[in-house]
Amino acid sequence: MTGWLAVAGLGPGAEALITPEVTEALATADDLVGYAPYVDRIAQRDGLRRHASDNRVELERAQFALELATAGRRVVLVSSGDPGVFAMAAAVFEALEAGPAAWRDLDIRVLPGVTAMLAAAARAGAPLGHDFCVLNLSDNLKPWSLIETRLRLAVEADFAIALYNPRSKARPEGFARALTLLQDLCRDERPVIFARAVSTGEESLRVLPLQDARPELADMRTLVIVGSSQTRLIERPAGPLVYTPRSATVSVEAP
């Protein structure tokens, strides 16, 4: 039997947001590999072996999945959201590049999913309606100085900014530093969206001016979107809608 590896995104949480392509791969897989909470999202069935692991062993998890596929197993390696956005697809290719030559002959597929960023934006309206950028605030794999530089440049370019992994229990100070920097750089009342656990039973959504944002409003299940100077708020009885117009009305001077 010829093995294969599918690196699949399970979306932000709701089963309805798992794509049919991912559902089909899961239905035919011999092995399910992933971080334990993501593996737990998939119902057990006959013939499926489940391999759950800790959050901080991405490279080892990728290597294990590649070894299973090399042995002829049909393997689905799961991530939340989209596997190519701060998730397992990059870890697989890091392992592939450094690993045995035989791994390069494998059938490897990346199956996209709905990201937390897109789910949060849809709940809020259309805050990513014009140019935007995405930053991961975790400094596990990069220095804080690089995060700060990228935040400054994103503000200078007047992007809307989606922020992943804003505030962990181990390092709560990072998001506080990021917010202080953004508040110092942006003196206008651009909106900030705090979208937590979107599409799950624990979903919450808060929209407030950047200058009123506080670090404790976010945790690692929160996706934060900071609007650009052009992002607008539409007040309505059912709750505000946030959107960024499709056209830019100001120019940003090159440094």
Protein backbone atom coordinates (compact mmCIF):
# COMPACT_ATOMS: atom_id res chain seq x y z
CA MET A 1 0.00 0.00 0.00
CA THR A 2 1.27 3.44 -0.92
CA GLY A 3 1.19 5.88 1.95
CA TRP A 4 0.38 9.55 1.86
CA LEU A 5 0.36 12.52 4.20
CA ALA A 6 -2.38 15.15 4.28
CA VAL A 7 -1.70 18.22 6.42
CA ALA A 8 -5.21 19.39 7.18
CA GLY A 9 -6.82 22.46 8.69
CA LEU A 10 -9.82 21.84 10.96
CA GLY A 11 -11.00 25.45 10.91
CA PRO A 12 -11.63 27.64 13.96
CA GLY A 13 -13.82 25.23 15.92
CA ALA A 14 -17.26 24.55 14.44
CA GLU A 15 -17.66 21.26 12.61
CA ALA A 16 -19.59 23.09 9.87
CA LEU A 17 -16.41 25.01 9.00
CA ILE A 18 -14.36 21.89 8.26
CA THR A 19 -14.06 21.64 4.48
CA PRO A 20 -15.42 18.63 2.56
CA GLU A 21 -11.88 17.96 1.31
CA VAL A 22 -10.60 17.57 4.88
CA THR A 23 -13.61 15.45 5.86
CA GLU A 24 -12.89 13.10 2.96
CA ALA A 25 -9.23 12.74 3.94
CA LEU A 26 -10.18 12.00 7.54
CA ALA A 27 -12.64 9.33 6.39
CA THR A 28 -9.94 7.41 4.51
CA ALA A 29 -6.99 7.90 6.88
CA ASP A 30 -5.28 5.09 8.80
CA ASP A 31 -3.61 7.47 11.27
CA LEU A 32 -4.58 10.78 12.84
CA VAL A 33 -1.68 12.84 14.20
CA GLY A 34 -1.80 16.17 16.02
CA TYR A 35 -1.85 18.29 19.14
CA ALA A 36 -4.17 16.54 21.62
CA PRO A 37 -7.05 19.09 21.67
CA TYR A 38 -7.21 19.00 17.86
CA VAL A 39 -7.13 15.21 17.70
CA ASP A 40 -9.99 15.19 20.22
CA ARG A 41 -12.14 17.16 17.79
CA ILE A 42 -12.29 14.15 15.45
CA ALA A 43 -14.67 11.31 16.30
CA GLN A 44 -13.14 7.90 16.78
CA ARG A 45 -13.96 5.20 14.22
CA ASP A 46 -12.87 1.65 13.51
CA GLY A 47 -9.49 1.40 11.81
CA LEU A 48 -8.27 4.85 12.81
CA ARG A 49 -5.16 5.11 14.98
CA ARG A 50 -4.91 8.32 16.97
CA HIS A 51 -1.55 9.85 17.92
CA ALA A 52 -1.93 12.88 20.20
CA SER A 53 1.03 14.91 21.41
CA ASP A 54 1.97 18.07 23.29
CA ASN A 55 1.82 21.57 21.85
CA ARG A 56 5.57 22.25 21.66
CA VAL A 57 6.75 19.25 19.66
CA GLU A 58 5.79 20.41 16.17
CA LEU A 59 8.94 19.19 14.44
CA GLU A 60 8.87 15.80 16.15
CA ARG A 61 5.18 15.46 15.26
CA ALA A 62 5.93 16.26 11.63
CA GLN A 63 8.77 13.72 11.53
CA PHE A 64 6.53 11.05 13.05
CA ALA A 65 3.82 11.69 10.46
CA LEU A 66 6.35 11.45 7.63
CA GLU A 67 7.69 8.17 9.03
CA LEU A 68 4.18 6.72 9.17
CA ALA A 69 3.51 7.73 5.56
CA THR A 70 6.85 6.23 4.47
CA ALA A 71 5.74 2.95 6.05
CA GLY A 72 2.67 2.92 3.81
CA ARG A 73 0.14 4.49 6.15
CA ARG A 74 -2.45 7.04 5.07
CA VAL A 75 -1.87 9.88 7.51
CA VAL A 76 -3.75 13.07 8.35
CA LEU A 77 -1.79 15.58 10.40
CA VAL A 78 -4.25 18.11 11.81
CA SER A 79 -3.97 21.77 12.76
CA SER A 80 -6.64 24.22 13.80
CA GLY A 81 -7.53 26.93 11.31
CA ASP A 82 -5.39 26.62 8.20
CA PRO A 83 -2.29 24.39 8.39
CA GLY A 84 -0.21 26.89 6.45
CA VAL A 85 -0.83 29.82 8.82
CA PHE A 86 1.44 29.55 11.90
CA ALA A 87 0.74 25.82 11.94
CA MET A 88 1.94 22.36 10.94
CA ALA A 89 2.53 22.68 7.18
CA ALA A 90 5.73 24.68 7.66
CA ALA A 91 6.94 22.17 10.28
CA VAL A 92 6.37 19.32 7.82
CA PHE A 93 8.44 21.01 5.15
CA GLU A 94 11.19 21.87 7.62
CA ALA A 95 11.35 18.17 8.53
CA LEU A 96 11.16 17.16 4.87
CA GLU A 97 14.04 19.41 3.85
CA ALA A 98 16.32 18.06 6.61
CA GLY A 99 15.13 14.46 6.51
CA PRO A 100 15.86 11.30 4.50
CA ALA A 101 15.74 11.54 0.72
CA ALA A 102 12.97 8.92 0.64
CA TRP A 103 10.55 11.37 2.25
CA ARG A 104 10.68 13.57 -0.85
CA ASP A 105 8.96 10.87 -2.89
CA LEU A 106 5.90 10.87 -0.64
CA ASP A 107 2.48 12.09 -1.69
CA ILE A 108 2.15 15.15 0.57
CA ARG A 109 -0.90 17.39 0.39
CA VAL A 110 -1.77 20.54 2.30
CA LEU A 111 -5.55 20.85 2.76
CA PRO A 112 -6.56 24.44 3.58
CA GLY A 113 -8.94 25.44 6.33
CA VAL A 114 -10.79 28.50 7.57
CA THR A 115 -8.38 30.53 9.69
CA ALA A 116 -9.23 32.13 13.02
CA MET A 117 -8.45 35.44 11.33
CA LEU A 118 -11.06 34.94 8.61
CA ALA A 119 -13.67 33.60 11.03
CA ALA A 120 -13.15 36.56 13.36
CA ALA A 121 -13.26 39.06 10.51
CA ALA A 122 -16.51 37.57 9.23
CA ARG A 123 -18.13 37.84 12.65
CA ALA A 124 -17.11 41.49 12.96
CA GLY A 125 -17.97 42.56 9.41
CA ALA A 126 -15.17 43.14 6.91
CA PRO A 127 -12.18 44.64 8.75
CA LEU A 128 -9.81 43.03 6.24
CA GLY A 129 -11.57 44.58 3.25
CA HIS A 130 -8.42 46.37 2.10
CA ASP A 131 -4.70 45.60 2.50
CA PHE A 132 -3.81 43.89 5.75
CA CYS A 133 -1.02 41.90 7.38
CA VAL A 134 -0.85 39.05 9.88
CA LEU A 135 1.59 38.82 12.78
CA ASN A 136 2.22 36.14 15.37
CA LEU A 137 3.00 37.79 18.72
CA SER A 138 4.62 34.67 20.18
CA ASP A 139 8.35 35.14 20.68
CA ASN A 140 9.05 31.39 21.01
CA LEU A 141 10.67 31.22 17.58
CA LYS A 142 11.71 34.83 16.96
CA PRO A 143 13.05 37.71 19.06
CA TRP A 144 10.79 40.42 20.44
CA SER A 145 12.83 43.06 18.60
CA LEU A 146 11.66 41.58 15.28
CA ILE A 147 8.03 41.61 16.42
CA GLU A 148 8.35 45.27 17.39
CA THR A 149 9.97 46.18 14.06
CA ARG A 150 7.20 44.48 12.11
CA LEU A 151 4.49 46.18 14.18
CA ARG A 152 6.06 49.58 13.53
CA LEU A 153 6.29 48.94 9.80
CA ALA A 154 2.71 47.65 9.64
CA VAL A 155 1.46 50.85 11.25
CA GLU A 156 3.66 52.96 8.97
CA ALA A 157 2.17 51.21 5.93
CA ASP A 158 -1.33 51.69 7.41
CA PHE A 159 -2.31 48.02 7.24
CA ALA A 160 -5.13 46.53 9.22
CA ILE A 161 -3.30 44.05 11.45
CA ALA A 162 -4.44 40.58 12.55
CA LEU A 163 -2.59 39.38 15.66
CA TYR A 164 -2.27 35.68 16.51
CA ASN A 165 -1.21 34.28 19.91
CA PRO A 166 -1.49 37.62 21.68
CA ARG A 167 -1.21 36.68 25.34
CA SER A 168 -0.05 33.46 26.98
CA LYS A 169 -0.09 32.67 30.69
CA ALA A 170 3.68 32.18 30.60
CA ARG A 171 4.39 35.51 28.87
CA PRO A 172 1.50 37.94 29.40
CA GLU A 173 3.79 40.95 29.10
CA GLY A 174 4.27 40.62 25.33
CA PHE A 175 0.76 41.72 24.39
CA ALA A 176 0.92 44.59 26.88
CA ARG A 177 4.09 45.80 25.17
CA ALA A 178 2.51 45.42 21.73
CA LEU A 179 -0.60 47.36 22.77
CA THR A 180 1.46 50.16 24.30
CA LEU A 181 3.47 50.44 21.10
CA LEU A 182 0.35 50.50 18.91
CA GLN A 183 -1.33 53.08 21.14
CA ASP A 184 1.76 55.30 21.00
CA LEU A 185 1.98 55.04 17.22
CA CYS A 186 -1.75 55.38 16.47
CA ARG A 187 -3.35 58.39 18.11
CA ASP A 188 -6.67 58.03 16.27
CA GLU A 189 -9.72 56.09 17.42
CA ARG A 190 -9.32 53.12 15.09
CA PRO A 191 -11.30 50.08 16.26
CA VAL A 192 -9.82 46.93 17.73
CA ILE A 193 -11.63 43.59 17.61
CA PHE A 194 -11.11 41.00 20.32
CA ALA A 195 -12.58 37.77 18.93
CA ARG A 196 -12.32 34.78 21.26
CA ALA A 197 -13.09 31.14 20.37
CA VAL A 198 -15.06 32.14 17.28
CA SER A 199 -17.56 29.50 16.06
CA THR A 200 -17.51 27.60 19.38
CA GLY A 201 -19.86 27.68 22.36
CA GLU A 202 -17.38 29.96 24.15
CA GLU A 203 -17.36 32.63 21.44
CA SER A 204 -17.17 36.27 22.45
CA LEU A 205 -16.62 39.41 20.40
CA ARG A 206 -15.69 42.87 21.65
CA VAL A 207 -15.04 46.01 19.61
CA LEU A 208 -13.53 49.10 21.20
CA PRO A 209 -11.22 52.00 20.33
CA LEU A 210 -7.52 51.17 20.31
CA GLN A 211 -6.81 53.66 23.10
CA ASP A 212 -9.27 51.78 25.35
CA ALA A 213 -7.86 48.31 24.64
CA ARG A 214 -6.39 46.44 27.62
CA PRO A 215 -4.08 43.42 27.66
CA GLU A 216 -6.35 41.32 29.87
CA LEU A 217 -9.03 41.28 27.16
CA ALA A 218 -6.99 38.70 25.23
CA ASP A 219 -5.68 35.20 25.79
CA MET A 220 -4.27 32.50 23.50
CA ARG A 221 -7.75 31.68 22.17
CA THR A 222 -8.27 35.31 21.12
CA LEU A 223 -7.65 36.70 17.65
CA VAL A 224 -7.08 40.46 17.71
CA ILE A 225 -7.65 42.66 14.68
CA VAL A 226 -6.42 46.26 14.79
CA GLY A 227 -8.00 48.43 12.13
CA SER A 228 -6.11 50.77 9.82
CA SER A 229 -6.66 54.53 9.87
CA GLN A 230 -9.36 53.94 7.24
CA THR A 231 -11.32 51.25 9.12
CA ARG A 232 -14.85 52.32 9.99
CA LEU A 233 -17.48 51.41 12.56
CA ILE A 234 -21.18 51.18 11.76
CA GLU A 235 -23.28 51.40 14.90
CA ARG A 236 -26.57 49.47 14.92
CA PRO A 237 -28.96 47.98 17.51
CA ALA A 238 -27.72 44.42 16.94
CA GLY A 239 -24.13 45.46 17.56
CA PRO A 240 -21.48 47.33 15.58
CA LEU A 241 -20.09 46.27 12.23
CA VAL A 242 -16.45 46.98 11.43
CA TYR A 243 -15.19 47.32 7.87
CA THR A 244 -12.26 48.72 5.93
CA PRO A 245 -13.28 50.35 2.62
CA ARG A 246 -12.01 48.81 -0.59
CA SER A 247 -10.28 52.02 -1.68
CA ALA A 248 -7.55 53.99 0.08
CA THR A 249 -8.10 57.71 0.50
CA VAL A 250 -4.64 58.64 1.81
CA SER A 251 -1.17 57.79 0.63
CA VAL A 252 1.61 56.52 2.85
CA GLU A 253 4.99 58.05 2.13
CA ALA A 254 7.84 55.64 1.61
CA PRO A 255 10.53 55.85 4.30
